[in-house]
Amino acid sequence: MKLSKVDLSSLIAIAHSEGYLQLLLDRGNELEFVEIPAPIQAYEGLQDLNEIIASPALPPQQELMPMLSVNSSMAASIGYDKNEQLLQVEFHNGAVYQYSGVEAETWEDLHDADSIGRYYNHEIKGRYECDRIDNTEYFDDCCD
């Protein structure tokens, strides 16, 4: 058996109709509808996967949020929950941190920054309460 890493963070919804698996993907600034020939079992398998992912493996305040891949030497992806004012940063080594009390304007500035790493180091690191939400043993100083 060969395993492959799969990132489903941009998958918003799935459906199945007339032999096609239908996917709605979030492409950042637009949504994309994709149809792939597939048996109904593929759809049912994705529904099962969704139930497994949705089961509460982490406490509610530490659930993973949808992430956007970024072009940065520091971060692999970033995400933001406007209602909770939570910023989430996934570093290239897989370490994931959540920063609380982050204003929407700060998120927008980070997202739009020419250098995500520079903005993070100057405006986020050490300025917000931070929790590591994975068990990777790297970047212990990200919250300092």
N, C-alpha and C. Protein backbone atom coordinates (compact mmCIF):
# COMPACT_ATOMS: atom_id res chain seq x y z
N MET A 1 0.85 -1.17 0.00
CA MET A 1 0.00 0.00 0.00
C MET A 1 0.89 1.24 0.00
N LYS A 2 0.57 2.19 -0.84
CA LYS A 2 1.30 3.45 -0.90
C LYS A 2 0.40 4.55 -0.34
N LEU A 3 0.89 5.29 0.67
CA LEU A 3 0.13 6.38 1.27
C LEU A 3 0.58 7.71 0.69
N SER A 4 -0.36 8.60 0.50
CA SER A 4 -0.07 9.94 0.01
C SER A 4 -0.69 10.96 0.95
N LYS A 5 0.01 12.04 1.20
CA LYS A 5 -0.54 13.12 2.01
C LYS A 5 -1.54 13.89 1.16
N VAL A 6 -2.71 14.17 1.73
CA VAL A 6 -3.77 14.85 1.02
C VAL A 6 -4.21 16.06 1.83
N ASP A 7 -4.28 17.22 1.18
CA ASP A 7 -4.75 18.44 1.83
C ASP A 7 -6.15 18.74 1.31
N LEU A 8 -7.14 18.54 2.15
CA LEU A 8 -8.53 18.78 1.76
C LEU A 8 -9.05 20.10 2.32
N SER A 9 -8.16 20.97 2.76
CA SER A 9 -8.59 22.21 3.41
C SER A 9 -9.37 23.14 2.48
N SER A 10 -9.21 23.03 1.17
CA SER A 10 -9.96 23.90 0.26
C SER A 10 -11.28 23.28 -0.19
N LEU A 11 -11.57 22.05 0.22
CA LEU A 11 -12.81 21.37 -0.15
C LEU A 11 -13.95 21.89 0.72
N ILE A 12 -14.95 22.50 0.10
CA ILE A 12 -16.07 23.08 0.84
C ILE A 12 -17.26 22.13 0.89
N ALA A 13 -17.59 21.49 -0.24
CA ALA A 13 -18.76 20.62 -0.30
C ALA A 13 -18.56 19.55 -1.35
N ILE A 14 -19.29 18.44 -1.17
CA ILE A 14 -19.24 17.34 -2.14
C ILE A 14 -20.66 16.90 -2.48
N ALA A 15 -20.81 16.32 -3.64
CA ALA A 15 -22.08 15.73 -4.06
C ALA A 15 -21.76 14.63 -5.06
N HIS A 16 -22.75 13.84 -5.40
CA HIS A 16 -22.58 12.81 -6.41
C HIS A 16 -23.83 12.80 -7.27
N SER A 17 -23.64 12.80 -8.59
CA SER A 17 -24.77 12.81 -9.51
C SER A 17 -24.37 12.16 -10.82
N GLU A 18 -25.16 11.21 -11.26
CA GLU A 18 -25.00 10.56 -12.55
C GLU A 18 -23.57 10.11 -12.84
N GLY A 19 -22.96 9.45 -11.84
CA GLY A 19 -21.62 8.89 -12.04
C GLY A 19 -20.49 9.88 -11.85
N TYR A 20 -20.78 11.07 -11.36
CA TYR A 20 -19.73 12.09 -11.15
C TYR A 20 -19.68 12.53 -9.70
N LEU A 21 -18.48 12.57 -9.18
CA LEU A 21 -18.22 13.17 -7.88
C LEU A 21 -18.08 14.67 -8.13
N GLN A 22 -18.88 15.47 -7.44
CA GLN A 22 -18.88 16.91 -7.64
C GLN A 22 -18.27 17.57 -6.41
N LEU A 23 -17.30 18.44 -6.64
CA LEU A 23 -16.56 19.08 -5.57
C LEU A 23 -16.66 20.59 -5.70
N LEU A 24 -16.88 21.27 -4.58
CA LEU A 24 -16.84 22.73 -4.54
C LEU A 24 -15.58 23.10 -3.77
N LEU A 25 -14.65 23.81 -4.43
CA LEU A 25 -13.36 24.14 -3.86
C LEU A 25 -13.23 25.63 -3.63
N ASP A 26 -12.63 26.01 -2.52
CA ASP A 26 -12.34 27.41 -2.23
C ASP A 26 -10.94 27.71 -2.75
N ARG A 27 -10.85 28.56 -3.74
CA ARG A 27 -9.57 28.93 -4.34
C ARG A 27 -9.07 30.28 -3.84
N GLY A 28 -9.49 30.67 -2.64
CA GLY A 28 -9.04 31.93 -2.06
C GLY A 28 -9.99 33.06 -2.40
N ASN A 29 -9.90 33.57 -3.61
CA ASN A 29 -10.76 34.68 -4.00
C ASN A 29 -11.90 34.24 -4.92
N GLU A 30 -12.03 32.93 -5.15
CA GLU A 30 -13.14 32.43 -5.96
C GLU A 30 -13.42 30.98 -5.60
N LEU A 31 -14.62 30.52 -5.96
CA LEU A 31 -15.00 29.13 -5.78
C LEU A 31 -14.91 28.41 -7.11
N GLU A 32 -14.51 27.15 -7.08
CA GLU A 32 -14.40 26.36 -8.29
C GLU A 32 -15.23 25.09 -8.14
N PHE A 33 -16.02 24.78 -9.15
CA PHE A 33 -16.83 23.57 -9.18
C PHE A 33 -16.13 22.56 -10.10
N VAL A 34 -15.86 21.36 -9.58
CA VAL A 34 -15.15 20.34 -10.32
C VAL A 34 -15.99 19.06 -10.33
N GLU A 35 -16.04 18.40 -11.48
CA GLU A 35 -16.71 17.10 -11.59
C GLU A 35 -15.68 16.06 -12.01
N ILE A 36 -15.70 14.92 -11.31
CA ILE A 36 -14.77 13.83 -11.58
C ILE A 36 -15.58 12.55 -11.72
N PRO A 37 -15.36 11.80 -12.80
CA PRO A 37 -16.07 10.52 -12.91
C PRO A 37 -15.68 9.62 -11.73
N ALA A 38 -16.69 9.16 -11.00
CA ALA A 38 -16.42 8.32 -9.82
C ALA A 38 -17.68 7.59 -9.41
N PRO A 39 -17.51 6.39 -8.86
CA PRO A 39 -18.69 5.65 -8.38
C PRO A 39 -19.23 6.29 -7.10
N ILE A 40 -20.44 5.96 -6.75
CA ILE A 40 -21.08 6.48 -5.55
C ILE A 40 -20.26 6.16 -4.30
N GLN A 41 -19.48 5.06 -4.34
CA GLN A 41 -18.66 4.68 -3.19
C GLN A 41 -17.61 5.75 -2.87
N ALA A 42 -17.12 6.47 -3.88
CA ALA A 42 -16.16 7.54 -3.63
C ALA A 42 -16.81 8.64 -2.80
N TYR A 43 -18.04 8.99 -3.17
CA TYR A 43 -18.79 9.99 -2.42
C TYR A 43 -19.04 9.52 -0.99
N GLU A 44 -19.47 8.29 -0.84
CA GLU A 44 -19.75 7.75 0.49
C GLU A 44 -18.47 7.70 1.33
N GLY A 45 -17.34 7.37 0.70
CA GLY A 45 -16.07 7.37 1.41
C GLY A 45 -15.68 8.76 1.90
N LEU A 46 -15.91 9.77 1.08
CA LEU A 46 -15.63 11.14 1.50
C LEU A 46 -16.56 11.58 2.63
N GLN A 47 -17.81 11.15 2.59
CA GLN A 47 -18.72 11.46 3.69
C GLN A 47 -18.22 10.81 4.98
N ASP A 48 -17.77 9.56 4.89
CA ASP A 48 -17.22 8.88 6.06
C ASP A 48 -15.99 9.61 6.58
N LEU A 49 -15.13 10.02 5.67
CA LEU A 49 -13.93 10.77 6.05
C LEU A 49 -14.31 12.06 6.77
N ASN A 50 -15.31 12.75 6.26
CA ASN A 50 -15.77 13.99 6.89
C ASN A 50 -16.23 13.75 8.32
N GLU A 51 -16.94 12.65 8.55
CA GLU A 51 -17.39 12.32 9.91
C GLU A 51 -16.20 12.05 10.83
N ILE A 52 -15.19 11.36 10.31
CA ILE A 52 -13.99 11.08 11.10
C ILE A 52 -13.28 12.38 11.45
N ILE A 53 -13.12 13.26 10.47
CA ILE A 53 -12.44 14.54 10.68
C ILE A 53 -13.23 15.42 11.62
N ALA A 54 -14.56 15.39 11.50
CA ALA A 54 -15.41 16.27 12.31
C ALA A 54 -15.51 15.81 13.76
N SER A 55 -15.15 14.56 14.05
CA SER A 55 -15.23 14.11 15.44
C SER A 55 -14.25 14.89 16.28
N PRO A 56 -14.67 15.28 17.46
CA PRO A 56 -13.83 16.18 18.28
C PRO A 56 -12.59 15.50 18.84
N ALA A 57 -11.49 15.58 18.10
CA ALA A 57 -10.22 15.04 18.56
C ALA A 57 -9.47 16.06 19.41
N LEU A 58 -9.76 17.35 19.18
CA LEU A 58 -9.13 18.42 19.94
C LEU A 58 -10.19 19.17 20.72
N PRO A 59 -9.85 19.80 21.83
CA PRO A 59 -10.81 20.64 22.54
C PRO A 59 -11.32 21.73 21.61
N PRO A 60 -12.57 22.22 21.80
CA PRO A 60 -13.16 23.20 20.88
C PRO A 60 -12.30 24.41 20.61
N GLN A 61 -11.59 24.92 21.60
CA GLN A 61 -10.79 26.11 21.36
C GLN A 61 -9.55 25.82 20.54
N GLN A 62 -9.27 24.53 20.26
CA GLN A 62 -8.08 24.19 19.51
C GLN A 62 -8.39 23.43 18.23
N GLU A 63 -9.60 23.53 17.72
CA GLU A 63 -9.93 22.86 16.47
C GLU A 63 -9.17 23.51 15.33
N LEU A 64 -8.86 22.71 14.33
CA LEU A 64 -8.19 23.23 13.15
C LEU A 64 -9.19 23.99 12.29
N MET A 65 -8.74 25.04 11.66
CA MET A 65 -9.61 25.85 10.81
C MET A 65 -9.14 25.75 9.36
N PRO A 66 -9.99 26.16 8.42
CA PRO A 66 -9.56 26.16 7.02
C PRO A 66 -8.31 27.03 6.86
N MET A 67 -7.36 26.54 6.11
CA MET A 67 -6.08 27.23 5.95
C MET A 67 -5.85 27.57 4.49
N LEU A 68 -5.13 28.68 4.28
CA LEU A 68 -4.75 29.11 2.94
C LEU A 68 -3.26 28.87 2.76
N SER A 69 -2.89 28.18 1.72
CA SER A 69 -1.46 28.01 1.42
C SER A 69 -0.88 29.37 1.08
N VAL A 70 0.34 29.62 1.56
CA VAL A 70 1.00 30.89 1.30
C VAL A 70 2.39 30.66 0.73
N ASN A 71 2.87 31.64 0.00
CA ASN A 71 4.21 31.61 -0.55
C ASN A 71 5.12 32.31 0.44
N SER A 72 5.69 31.55 1.35
CA SER A 72 6.50 32.10 2.43
C SER A 72 7.58 31.10 2.82
N SER A 73 8.75 31.60 3.15
CA SER A 73 9.80 30.70 3.63
C SER A 73 9.58 30.32 5.08
N MET A 74 8.68 31.04 5.79
CA MET A 74 8.41 30.78 7.19
C MET A 74 7.18 29.89 7.39
N ALA A 75 6.09 30.19 6.70
CA ALA A 75 4.82 29.49 6.92
C ALA A 75 4.39 28.73 5.67
N ALA A 76 3.75 27.59 5.92
CA ALA A 76 3.17 26.82 4.82
C ALA A 76 1.75 27.29 4.54
N SER A 77 1.03 27.65 5.63
CA SER A 77 -0.35 28.10 5.46
C SER A 77 -0.77 28.94 6.66
N ILE A 78 -1.81 29.75 6.44
CA ILE A 78 -2.36 30.60 7.49
C ILE A 78 -3.88 30.54 7.41
N GLY A 79 -4.54 30.75 8.54
CA GLY A 79 -6.00 30.76 8.57
C GLY A 79 -6.48 31.75 9.62
N TYR A 80 -7.75 32.13 9.50
CA TYR A 80 -8.30 33.11 10.44
C TYR A 80 -9.77 32.83 10.68
N ASP A 81 -10.17 32.90 11.94
CA ASP A 81 -11.58 32.79 12.34
C ASP A 81 -12.00 34.16 12.85
N LYS A 82 -12.77 34.88 12.02
CA LYS A 82 -13.18 36.25 12.34
C LYS A 82 -14.04 36.30 13.60
N ASN A 83 -14.95 35.34 13.77
CA ASN A 83 -15.84 35.36 14.93
C ASN A 83 -15.08 35.18 16.24
N GLU A 84 -14.09 34.31 16.23
CA GLU A 84 -13.30 34.03 17.44
C GLU A 84 -12.04 34.88 17.54
N GLN A 85 -11.73 35.63 16.49
CA GLN A 85 -10.49 36.42 16.38
C GLN A 85 -9.26 35.54 16.63
N LEU A 86 -9.24 34.39 15.95
CA LEU A 86 -8.13 33.45 16.06
C LEU A 86 -7.36 33.41 14.76
N LEU A 87 -6.05 33.57 14.85
CA LEU A 87 -5.15 33.42 13.72
C LEU A 87 -4.45 32.09 13.90
N GLN A 88 -4.34 31.32 12.84
CA GLN A 88 -3.64 30.05 12.90
C GLN A 88 -2.52 30.06 11.88
N VAL A 89 -1.34 29.62 12.30
CA VAL A 89 -0.17 29.58 11.42
C VAL A 89 0.38 28.16 11.44
N GLU A 90 0.54 27.58 10.25
CA GLU A 90 1.20 26.29 10.12
C GLU A 90 2.57 26.53 9.52
N PHE A 91 3.61 26.13 10.25
CA PHE A 91 4.97 26.31 9.78
C PHE A 91 5.35 25.16 8.85
N HIS A 92 6.40 25.34 8.10
CA HIS A 92 6.80 24.34 7.11
C HIS A 92 7.09 22.97 7.70
N ASN A 93 7.46 22.90 8.97
CA ASN A 93 7.75 21.60 9.59
C ASN A 93 6.50 20.93 10.14
N GLY A 94 5.33 21.58 9.97
CA GLY A 94 4.08 20.99 10.43
C GLY A 94 3.58 21.52 11.76
N ALA A 95 4.39 22.28 12.49
CA ALA A 95 3.95 22.87 13.75
C ALA A 95 2.83 23.87 13.46
N VAL A 96 1.77 23.82 14.29
CA VAL A 96 0.63 24.70 14.10
C VAL A 96 0.38 25.46 15.40
N TYR A 97 0.24 26.78 15.29
CA TYR A 97 -0.01 27.65 16.42
C TYR A 97 -1.25 28.49 16.17
N GLN A 98 -2.02 28.74 17.26
CA GLN A 98 -3.15 29.65 17.19
C GLN A 98 -2.87 30.86 18.07
N TYR A 99 -3.18 32.04 17.54
CA TYR A 99 -2.99 33.30 18.24
C TYR A 99 -4.37 33.91 18.48
N SER A 100 -4.67 34.26 19.74
CA SER A 100 -6.01 34.77 20.06
C SER A 100 -6.00 36.29 20.17
N GLY A 101 -7.20 36.86 19.94
CA GLY A 101 -7.37 38.30 20.02
C GLY A 101 -6.83 39.06 18.82
N VAL A 102 -6.67 38.37 17.70
CA VAL A 102 -6.11 38.99 16.50
C VAL A 102 -7.24 39.67 15.72
N GLU A 103 -7.09 40.96 15.52
CA GLU A 103 -8.10 41.74 14.82
C GLU A 103 -8.12 41.38 13.34
N ALA A 104 -9.28 41.55 12.71
CA ALA A 104 -9.44 41.24 11.29
C ALA A 104 -8.46 42.05 10.45
N GLU A 105 -8.20 43.29 10.83
CA GLU A 105 -7.26 44.13 10.08
C GLU A 105 -5.85 43.53 10.09
N THR A 106 -5.44 42.98 11.24
CA THR A 106 -4.13 42.34 11.34
C THR A 106 -4.07 41.12 10.43
N TRP A 107 -5.15 40.33 10.41
CA TRP A 107 -5.22 39.18 9.51
C TRP A 107 -5.07 39.62 8.06
N GLU A 108 -5.81 40.65 7.69
CA GLU A 108 -5.77 41.13 6.30
C GLU A 108 -4.37 41.64 5.95
N ASP A 109 -3.75 42.36 6.88
CA ASP A 109 -2.39 42.86 6.64
C ASP A 109 -1.40 41.70 6.48
N LEU A 110 -1.54 40.66 7.33
CA LEU A 110 -0.67 39.49 7.22
C LEU A 110 -0.90 38.80 5.88
N HIS A 111 -2.14 38.59 5.55
CA HIS A 111 -2.49 37.90 4.30
C HIS A 111 -1.98 38.65 3.08
N ASP A 112 -1.99 39.98 3.13
CA ASP A 112 -1.59 40.82 2.00
C ASP A 112 -0.11 41.23 2.02
N ALA A 113 0.61 40.85 3.07
CA ALA A 113 2.00 41.30 3.23
C ALA A 113 2.90 40.76 2.12
N ASP A 114 3.87 41.58 1.70
CA ASP A 114 4.87 41.13 0.74
C ASP A 114 5.71 40.00 1.32
N SER A 115 5.98 40.09 2.64
CA SER A 115 6.73 39.04 3.33
C SER A 115 5.93 38.62 4.56
N ILE A 116 5.31 37.45 4.48
CA ILE A 116 4.52 36.93 5.60
C ILE A 116 5.41 36.76 6.83
N GLY A 117 6.61 36.23 6.64
CA GLY A 117 7.51 36.01 7.77
C GLY A 117 7.91 37.30 8.45
N ARG A 118 8.23 38.31 7.68
CA ARG A 118 8.63 39.61 8.26
C ARG A 118 7.45 40.21 9.02
N TYR A 119 6.26 40.20 8.43
CA TYR A 119 5.08 40.75 9.10
C TYR A 119 4.80 39.97 10.39
N TYR A 120 4.86 38.64 10.30
CA TYR A 120 4.64 37.80 11.48
C TYR A 120 5.61 38.16 12.60
N ASN A 121 6.90 38.25 12.27
CA ASN A 121 7.91 38.53 13.29
C ASN A 121 7.75 39.91 13.92
N HIS A 122 7.31 40.90 13.14
CA HIS A 122 7.19 42.27 13.66
C HIS A 122 5.84 42.56 14.31
N GLU A 123 4.77 41.93 13.83
CA GLU A 123 3.43 42.33 14.26
C GLU A 123 2.65 41.26 15.04
N ILE A 124 3.09 40.01 15.00
CA ILE A 124 2.29 38.95 15.64
C ILE A 124 3.08 38.23 16.73
N LYS A 125 4.25 37.73 16.41
CA LYS A 125 5.05 36.96 17.37
C LYS A 125 5.32 37.80 18.62
N GLY A 126 4.92 37.25 19.77
CA GLY A 126 5.15 37.92 21.05
C GLY A 126 4.11 38.97 21.40
N ARG A 127 3.17 39.27 20.51
CA ARG A 127 2.16 40.30 20.77
C ARG A 127 0.79 39.73 21.12
N TYR A 128 0.58 38.46 20.83
CA TYR A 128 -0.72 37.83 21.06
C TYR A 128 -0.54 36.56 21.88
N GLU A 129 -1.57 36.22 22.66
CA GLU A 129 -1.57 34.96 23.38
C GLU A 129 -1.56 33.84 22.36
N CYS A 130 -0.78 32.80 22.64
CA CYS A 130 -0.52 31.78 21.63
C CYS A 130 -0.58 30.39 22.25
N ASP A 131 -1.12 29.44 21.48
CA ASP A 131 -1.14 28.04 21.89
C ASP A 131 -0.70 27.17 20.73
N ARG A 132 0.18 26.21 21.02
CA ARG A 132 0.53 25.22 20.01
C ARG A 132 -0.59 24.20 19.98
N ILE A 133 -1.10 23.86 18.81
CA ILE A 133 -2.25 22.96 18.74
C ILE A 133 -1.93 21.64 18.06
N ASP A 134 -0.67 21.32 17.93
CA ASP A 134 -0.28 20.00 17.44
C ASP A 134 0.75 19.46 18.41
N ASN A 135 1.34 18.34 18.09
CA ASN A 135 2.35 17.78 18.98
C ASN A 135 3.72 17.74 18.34
N THR A 136 3.97 18.65 17.42
CA THR A 136 5.29 18.76 16.82
C THR A 136 6.22 19.43 17.83
N GLU A 137 7.44 19.01 17.91
CA GLU A 137 8.34 19.52 18.92
C GLU A 137 9.26 20.63 18.41
N TYR A 138 8.84 21.34 17.38
CA TYR A 138 9.63 22.42 16.83
C TYR A 138 8.98 23.76 17.15
N PHE A 139 9.71 24.81 16.92
CA PHE A 139 9.22 26.18 17.03
C PHE A 139 8.64 26.48 18.41
N ASP A 140 9.27 25.98 19.48
CA ASP A 140 8.78 26.26 20.81
C ASP A 140 8.80 27.74 21.14
N ASP A 141 9.55 28.55 20.39
CA ASP A 141 9.65 29.97 20.71
C ASP A 141 8.69 30.82 19.87
N CYS A 142 7.76 30.23 19.14
CA CYS A 142 6.86 31.01 18.28
C CYS A 142 5.95 31.92 19.07
N CYS A 143 5.66 31.57 20.28
CA CYS A 143 4.77 32.38 21.10
C CYS A 143 5.52 33.43 21.90
N ASP A 144 6.85 33.32 21.98
CA ASP A 144 7.63 34.26 22.81
C ASP A 144 7.65 35.65 22.22
